[in-house]
Each structure stands twice: as C-alpha cells, then as structure tokens.
C-alpha cells in the first residue's frame, strides 16, 4: 500500500530560521530520504513551496472561486494530495475544479520544489 506522509511544520523563511538551523534541517531531511531510499520504500518526495504562492479553488453554486494564497478562513485540514504535471496554473485550476473536494471543501493548488542530492532546492517551472 502506498502512503503519503504529509509533513506539517511552521513555515519559516531561511532568514528567520537562521543558517545553522537551516543547514541542520536540510541534513536531517537528506538523511531521512537516504534511509527511506536504502530501505527501498521511497517512491517520491516533494517539498511544497510556501503557502503564500498557493492558489485555492472552490466551486459554490456552480461558480468557480479562485483565490491567491492559502484559504486561511477555514478549519479544514489537509486530507490528501494529488500530484499532476500540467502546462501552467490555469490547467492546474481546471483539474482542481474537477476534484470532489472542490464542491464541499477546498482544493489548494501549490507549486512544488525539487530537492537534489547536492542539497539544492529548485522550484518547478
């Protein structure tokens, strides 16, 4: 069975976090990824870019509602993820609009970033 591990932690930028803590965190995640890989259980790992660059999609009374940034006025919890590879944000919104939670919850569209073995974070384009 596949499981998605949704990692929740306080969103801090590199300056607020500090260079030493950032370096320790990157080393910890690299070690964790190496452990998962060595165990043969790592399928994919993706770090989400900050919630400030997300887009939320809802359909209410048949009307599409698109909001930049996180939908902060909610008590909804993250319940799952779907990773898609599309041309642009408009295409992503089109698929998000079709997701069942768009009709009774919220679908957040957030670009990811890729962490490479050499420790570089690269935003998806």
N, C-alpha and C. Protein backbone atom coordinates (compact mmCIF):
# COMPACT_ATOMS: atom_id res chain seq x y z
N UNK A 1 0.84 -1.20 0.00
CA UNK A 1 0.00 0.00 0.00
C UNK A 1 0.88 1.25 0.00
N UNK A 2 0.41 2.19 -0.64
CA UNK A 2 1.13 3.46 -0.66
C UNK A 2 0.58 4.38 0.41
N UNK A 3 1.44 5.14 1.00
CA UNK A 3 1.06 6.17 1.96
C UNK A 3 1.74 7.47 1.58
N UNK A 4 1.04 8.54 1.76
CA UNK A 4 1.65 9.85 1.59
C UNK A 4 1.87 10.41 2.98
N UNK A 5 3.06 10.77 3.27
CA UNK A 5 3.38 11.40 4.55
C UNK A 5 3.32 12.90 4.37
N UNK A 6 2.33 13.52 4.98
CA UNK A 6 2.16 14.96 4.87
C UNK A 6 2.87 15.60 6.06
N UNK A 7 3.91 16.30 5.77
CA UNK A 7 4.75 16.85 6.82
C UNK A 7 4.31 18.27 7.15
N UNK A 8 3.82 18.46 8.35
CA UNK A 8 3.34 19.77 8.79
C UNK A 8 4.34 20.36 9.77
N UNK A 9 4.74 21.58 9.51
CA UNK A 9 5.62 22.30 10.41
C UNK A 9 5.49 23.78 10.13
N UNK A 10 5.96 24.58 11.06
CA UNK A 10 5.84 26.03 10.92
C UNK A 10 6.60 26.50 9.69
N UNK A 11 5.97 27.37 8.93
CA UNK A 11 6.59 27.91 7.73
C UNK A 11 7.48 29.08 8.12
N UNK A 12 8.79 28.89 7.98
CA UNK A 12 9.74 29.96 8.27
C UNK A 12 10.65 30.15 7.07
N UNK A 13 10.99 31.40 6.76
CA UNK A 13 11.94 31.61 5.67
C UNK A 13 13.35 31.38 6.20
N UNK A 14 14.30 31.28 5.29
CA UNK A 14 15.68 30.96 5.66
C UNK A 14 16.26 31.98 6.63
N UNK A 15 15.94 33.24 6.44
CA UNK A 15 16.48 34.29 7.31
C UNK A 15 15.96 34.14 8.74
N UNK A 16 14.67 33.91 8.88
CA UNK A 16 14.07 33.75 10.21
C UNK A 16 14.58 32.48 10.87
N UNK A 17 14.70 31.42 10.09
CA UNK A 17 15.17 30.14 10.62
C UNK A 17 16.63 30.22 11.06
N UNK A 18 17.43 30.89 10.30
CA UNK A 18 18.86 31.00 10.61
C UNK A 18 19.65 29.95 9.85
N UNK A 19 20.87 30.31 9.47
CA UNK A 19 21.70 29.45 8.64
C UNK A 19 21.99 28.11 9.31
N UNK A 20 22.30 28.12 10.59
CA UNK A 20 22.64 26.86 11.28
C UNK A 20 21.45 25.91 11.34
N UNK A 21 20.30 26.42 11.70
CA UNK A 21 19.09 25.57 11.78
C UNK A 21 18.69 25.09 10.40
N UNK A 22 18.83 25.94 9.39
CA UNK A 22 18.51 25.55 8.02
C UNK A 22 19.42 24.41 7.57
N UNK A 23 20.70 24.54 7.85
CA UNK A 23 21.67 23.50 7.49
C UNK A 23 21.36 22.18 8.21
N UNK A 24 21.03 22.28 9.49
CA UNK A 24 20.69 21.07 10.26
C UNK A 24 19.43 20.42 9.70
N UNK A 25 18.43 21.23 9.35
CA UNK A 25 17.19 20.70 8.80
C UNK A 25 17.41 20.02 7.46
N UNK A 26 18.21 20.64 6.60
CA UNK A 26 18.49 20.05 5.29
C UNK A 26 19.24 18.72 5.46
N UNK A 27 20.18 18.69 6.39
CA UNK A 27 20.93 17.45 6.64
C UNK A 27 20.00 16.36 7.17
N UNK A 28 19.08 16.74 8.05
CA UNK A 28 18.14 15.76 8.62
C UNK A 28 17.23 15.19 7.53
N UNK A 29 16.73 16.07 6.65
CA UNK A 29 15.87 15.58 5.57
C UNK A 29 16.65 14.73 4.57
N UNK A 30 17.89 15.11 4.28
CA UNK A 30 18.71 14.31 3.38
C UNK A 30 18.97 12.93 3.98
N UNK A 31 19.24 12.88 5.27
CA UNK A 31 19.46 11.60 5.95
C UNK A 31 18.20 10.75 5.94
N UNK A 32 17.07 11.39 6.22
CA UNK A 32 15.79 10.68 6.22
C UNK A 32 15.50 10.11 4.83
N UNK A 33 15.71 10.92 3.78
CA UNK A 33 15.49 10.46 2.41
C UNK A 33 16.42 9.30 2.08
N UNK A 34 17.67 9.37 2.52
CA UNK A 34 18.63 8.28 2.27
C UNK A 34 18.19 7.01 2.97
N UNK A 35 17.67 7.14 4.18
CA UNK A 35 17.17 5.98 4.92
C UNK A 35 16.00 5.33 4.19
N UNK A 36 15.05 6.14 3.74
CA UNK A 36 13.90 5.62 3.00
C UNK A 36 14.34 4.96 1.70
N UNK A 37 15.28 5.60 1.02
CA UNK A 37 15.78 5.06 -0.24
C UNK A 37 16.49 3.71 -0.02
N UNK A 38 17.34 3.66 1.00
CA UNK A 38 18.07 2.43 1.30
C UNK A 38 17.12 1.29 1.67
N UNK A 39 16.00 1.63 2.29
CA UNK A 39 15.01 0.62 2.67
C UNK A 39 14.15 0.19 1.48
N UNK A 40 14.29 0.90 0.36
CA UNK A 40 13.52 0.56 -0.84
C UNK A 40 12.07 0.97 -0.78
N UNK A 41 11.74 1.94 0.09
CA UNK A 41 10.34 2.34 0.24
C UNK A 41 10.04 3.73 -0.34
N UNK A 42 11.06 4.46 -0.75
CA UNK A 42 10.86 5.82 -1.25
C UNK A 42 10.35 5.78 -2.68
N UNK A 43 9.13 6.30 -2.88
CA UNK A 43 8.54 6.40 -4.22
C UNK A 43 8.75 7.81 -4.76
N UNK A 44 8.41 8.81 -3.98
CA UNK A 44 8.58 10.21 -4.38
C UNK A 44 8.54 11.08 -3.14
N UNK A 45 9.24 12.19 -3.20
CA UNK A 45 9.20 13.18 -2.12
C UNK A 45 9.14 14.55 -2.76
N UNK A 46 8.27 15.39 -2.24
CA UNK A 46 8.13 16.74 -2.77
C UNK A 46 7.93 17.70 -1.62
N UNK A 47 8.68 18.78 -1.64
CA UNK A 47 8.51 19.85 -0.67
C UNK A 47 7.66 20.92 -1.33
N UNK A 48 6.62 21.35 -0.65
CA UNK A 48 5.76 22.39 -1.21
C UNK A 48 6.39 23.75 -1.00
N UNK A 49 6.23 24.61 -1.98
CA UNK A 49 6.67 25.99 -1.82
C UNK A 49 5.76 26.65 -0.79
N UNK A 50 6.14 27.81 -0.27
CA UNK A 50 5.34 28.47 0.78
C UNK A 50 3.87 28.64 0.40
N UNK A 51 3.01 28.58 1.40
CA UNK A 51 1.57 28.69 1.15
C UNK A 51 1.20 30.03 0.54
N UNK A 52 2.04 31.03 0.68
CA UNK A 52 1.76 32.34 0.09
C UNK A 52 1.68 32.29 -1.43
N UNK A 53 2.29 31.27 -2.06
CA UNK A 53 2.24 31.17 -3.51
C UNK A 53 1.22 30.15 -3.98
N UNK A 54 0.36 29.70 -3.07
CA UNK A 54 -0.66 28.72 -3.43
C UNK A 54 -1.88 29.41 -4.04
N UNK A 55 -2.72 28.61 -4.63
CA UNK A 55 -3.99 29.06 -5.18
C UNK A 55 -5.05 28.10 -4.68
N UNK A 56 -6.14 28.62 -4.13
CA UNK A 56 -7.22 27.75 -3.69
C UNK A 56 -8.38 27.83 -4.67
N UNK A 57 -9.03 26.69 -4.86
CA UNK A 57 -10.11 26.56 -5.83
C UNK A 57 -11.33 25.98 -5.14
N UNK A 58 -12.46 26.63 -5.32
CA UNK A 58 -13.73 26.12 -4.79
C UNK A 58 -14.80 26.31 -5.84
N UNK A 59 -15.81 25.45 -5.81
CA UNK A 59 -16.98 25.61 -6.66
C UNK A 59 -18.19 25.73 -5.73
N UNK A 60 -18.88 26.86 -5.80
CA UNK A 60 -20.06 27.10 -4.98
C UNK A 60 -21.21 27.53 -5.88
N UNK A 61 -22.30 26.83 -5.78
CA UNK A 61 -23.47 27.11 -6.62
C UNK A 61 -23.08 27.16 -8.10
N UNK A 62 -22.18 26.25 -8.50
CA UNK A 62 -21.75 26.15 -9.89
C UNK A 62 -20.72 27.17 -10.33
N UNK A 63 -20.36 28.11 -9.44
CA UNK A 63 -19.41 29.17 -9.80
C UNK A 63 -18.02 28.84 -9.27
N UNK A 64 -17.04 29.00 -10.12
CA UNK A 64 -15.64 28.77 -9.75
C UNK A 64 -15.14 29.96 -8.94
N UNK A 65 -14.53 29.69 -7.79
CA UNK A 65 -13.91 30.72 -6.97
C UNK A 65 -12.43 30.38 -6.86
N UNK A 66 -11.58 31.29 -7.31
CA UNK A 66 -10.13 31.10 -7.28
C UNK A 66 -9.55 32.20 -6.41
N UNK A 67 -8.73 31.81 -5.43
CA UNK A 67 -8.14 32.77 -4.52
C UNK A 67 -6.63 32.54 -4.44
N UNK A 68 -5.85 33.61 -4.60
CA UNK A 68 -4.42 33.51 -4.43
C UNK A 68 -4.10 33.36 -2.95
N UNK A 69 -3.08 32.56 -2.67
CA UNK A 69 -2.66 32.35 -1.29
C UNK A 69 -3.55 31.35 -0.60
N UNK A 70 -3.18 30.98 0.60
CA UNK A 70 -3.96 29.96 1.32
C UNK A 70 -5.33 30.49 1.71
N UNK A 71 -6.27 29.58 1.82
CA UNK A 71 -7.61 29.93 2.28
C UNK A 71 -7.57 29.87 3.80
N UNK A 72 -7.22 30.98 4.43
CA UNK A 72 -6.95 30.97 5.87
C UNK A 72 -8.21 30.98 6.73
N UNK A 73 -9.34 31.36 6.17
CA UNK A 73 -10.57 31.43 6.95
C UNK A 73 -11.29 30.09 6.91
N UNK A 74 -10.64 29.06 7.44
CA UNK A 74 -11.21 27.72 7.40
C UNK A 74 -10.67 26.88 8.53
N UNK A 75 -11.41 25.86 8.90
CA UNK A 75 -10.94 24.89 9.88
C UNK A 75 -10.65 23.56 9.19
N UNK A 76 -10.69 23.56 7.86
CA UNK A 76 -10.41 22.34 7.11
C UNK A 76 -8.97 21.91 7.32
N UNK A 77 -8.75 20.62 7.30
CA UNK A 77 -7.41 20.06 7.45
C UNK A 77 -7.00 19.41 6.14
N UNK A 78 -5.71 19.38 5.89
CA UNK A 78 -5.19 18.71 4.71
C UNK A 78 -5.49 17.23 4.82
N UNK A 79 -6.15 16.66 3.82
CA UNK A 79 -6.54 15.26 3.89
C UNK A 79 -5.89 14.38 2.84
N UNK A 80 -5.23 14.95 1.86
CA UNK A 80 -4.57 14.16 0.84
C UNK A 80 -3.97 15.05 -0.23
N UNK A 81 -3.23 14.44 -1.13
CA UNK A 81 -2.61 15.19 -2.21
C UNK A 81 -2.76 14.44 -3.53
N UNK A 82 -2.80 15.15 -4.59
CA UNK A 82 -2.75 14.60 -5.94
C UNK A 82 -1.67 15.39 -6.66
N UNK A 83 -0.70 14.71 -7.24
CA UNK A 83 0.37 15.38 -7.97
C UNK A 83 0.08 15.28 -9.45
N UNK A 84 0.02 16.39 -10.11
CA UNK A 84 -0.24 16.42 -11.55
C UNK A 84 0.90 17.17 -12.25
N UNK A 85 1.09 16.91 -13.52
CA UNK A 85 2.10 17.59 -14.33
C UNK A 85 1.37 18.22 -15.50
N UNK A 86 1.16 19.53 -15.43
CA UNK A 86 0.41 20.26 -16.44
C UNK A 86 1.21 21.45 -16.93
N UNK A 87 0.70 22.09 -17.98
CA UNK A 87 1.44 23.18 -18.62
C UNK A 87 1.57 24.44 -17.76
N UNK A 88 0.49 24.79 -17.02
CA UNK A 88 0.52 26.05 -16.28
C UNK A 88 -0.55 26.05 -15.19
N UNK A 89 -0.62 27.17 -14.44
CA UNK A 89 -1.56 27.29 -13.34
C UNK A 89 -3.01 27.18 -13.82
N UNK A 90 -3.32 27.73 -14.97
CA UNK A 90 -4.69 27.64 -15.48
C UNK A 90 -5.11 26.19 -15.69
N UNK A 91 -4.21 25.39 -16.25
CA UNK A 91 -4.52 23.97 -16.44
C UNK A 91 -4.69 23.28 -15.10
N UNK A 92 -3.84 23.63 -14.13
CA UNK A 92 -3.96 23.04 -12.79
C UNK A 92 -5.29 23.40 -12.14
N UNK A 93 -5.72 24.64 -12.32
CA UNK A 93 -7.01 25.07 -11.77
C UNK A 93 -8.15 24.30 -12.43
N UNK A 94 -8.02 24.05 -13.73
CA UNK A 94 -9.04 23.26 -14.44
C UNK A 94 -9.19 21.88 -13.85
N UNK A 95 -8.08 21.23 -13.52
CA UNK A 95 -8.16 19.91 -12.89
C UNK A 95 -8.61 20.01 -11.44
N UNK A 96 -8.19 21.05 -10.73
CA UNK A 96 -8.61 21.24 -9.34
C UNK A 96 -10.12 21.44 -9.25
N UNK A 97 -10.68 22.13 -10.22
CA UNK A 97 -12.13 22.37 -10.24
C UNK A 97 -12.91 21.06 -10.33
N UNK A 98 -12.32 20.04 -10.91
CA UNK A 98 -12.99 18.75 -11.08
C UNK A 98 -12.84 17.84 -9.86
N UNK A 99 -11.98 18.19 -8.95
CA UNK A 99 -11.75 17.35 -7.77
C UNK A 99 -12.97 17.39 -6.85
N UNK A 100 -13.41 16.24 -6.35
CA UNK A 100 -14.59 16.21 -5.48
C UNK A 100 -14.53 17.20 -4.31
N UNK A 101 -13.41 17.36 -3.63
CA UNK A 101 -13.40 18.31 -2.51
C UNK A 101 -13.66 19.76 -2.91
N UNK A 102 -13.54 20.10 -4.18
CA UNK A 102 -13.83 21.47 -4.61
C UNK A 102 -15.29 21.82 -4.36
N UNK A 103 -16.15 20.80 -4.26
CA UNK A 103 -17.58 21.03 -4.08
C UNK A 103 -18.01 21.05 -2.63
N UNK A 104 -17.21 20.51 -1.72
CA UNK A 104 -17.60 20.50 -0.31
C UNK A 104 -16.46 20.87 0.62
N UNK A 105 -15.34 21.25 0.06
CA UNK A 105 -14.17 21.67 0.84
C UNK A 105 -13.38 22.66 0.01
N UNK A 106 -12.07 22.53 0.04
CA UNK A 106 -11.19 23.43 -0.72
C UNK A 106 -10.07 22.62 -1.33
N UNK A 107 -9.73 22.92 -2.56
CA UNK A 107 -8.57 22.32 -3.21
C UNK A 107 -7.52 23.42 -3.34
N UNK A 108 -6.36 23.20 -2.73
CA UNK A 108 -5.27 24.15 -2.81
C UNK A 108 -4.30 23.72 -3.90
N UNK A 109 -3.99 24.62 -4.81
CA UNK A 109 -3.03 24.36 -5.88
C UNK A 109 -1.74 25.06 -5.49
N UNK A 110 -0.67 24.27 -5.26
CA UNK A 110 0.59 24.85 -4.81
C UNK A 110 1.75 24.29 -5.61
N UNK A 111 2.59 25.15 -6.20
CA UNK A 111 3.75 24.63 -6.91
C UNK A 111 4.73 24.01 -5.93
N UNK A 112 5.43 22.98 -6.39
CA UNK A 112 6.40 22.30 -5.55
C UNK A 112 7.82 22.73 -5.87
N UNK A 113 8.76 22.14 -5.18
CA UNK A 113 10.18 22.36 -5.43
C UNK A 113 10.87 21.02 -5.37
N UNK A 114 11.97 20.89 -6.08
CA UNK A 114 12.71 19.65 -6.13
C UNK A 114 13.98 19.79 -5.31
N UNK A 115 14.26 18.82 -4.44
CA UNK A 115 15.49 18.80 -3.65
C UNK A 115 16.43 17.81 -4.31
N UNK A 116 17.58 18.26 -4.69
CA UNK A 116 18.53 17.37 -5.35
C UNK A 116 19.54 16.84 -4.36
N UNK A 117 20.25 15.81 -4.74
CA UNK A 117 21.22 15.15 -3.87
C UNK A 117 22.28 16.13 -3.39
N UNK A 118 22.62 17.13 -4.20
CA UNK A 118 23.65 18.09 -3.79
C UNK A 118 23.11 19.18 -2.87
N UNK A 119 21.85 19.06 -2.45
CA UNK A 119 21.29 19.99 -1.46
C UNK A 119 20.69 21.24 -2.04
N UNK A 120 20.40 21.27 -3.33
CA UNK A 120 19.84 22.46 -3.97
C UNK A 120 18.32 22.33 -4.08
N UNK A 121 17.60 23.37 -3.71
CA UNK A 121 16.14 23.41 -3.88
C UNK A 121 15.86 24.12 -5.19
N UNK A 122 15.10 23.50 -6.08
CA UNK A 122 14.79 24.08 -7.38
C UNK A 122 13.28 24.13 -7.55
N UNK A 123 12.69 25.33 -7.67
CA UNK A 123 11.23 25.41 -7.90
C UNK A 123 10.86 24.78 -9.22
N UNK A 124 9.73 24.10 -9.25
CA UNK A 124 9.20 23.57 -10.51
C UNK A 124 8.77 24.73 -11.39
N UNK A 125 8.95 24.58 -12.64
CA UNK A 125 8.55 25.63 -13.58
C UNK A 125 7.59 25.06 -14.59
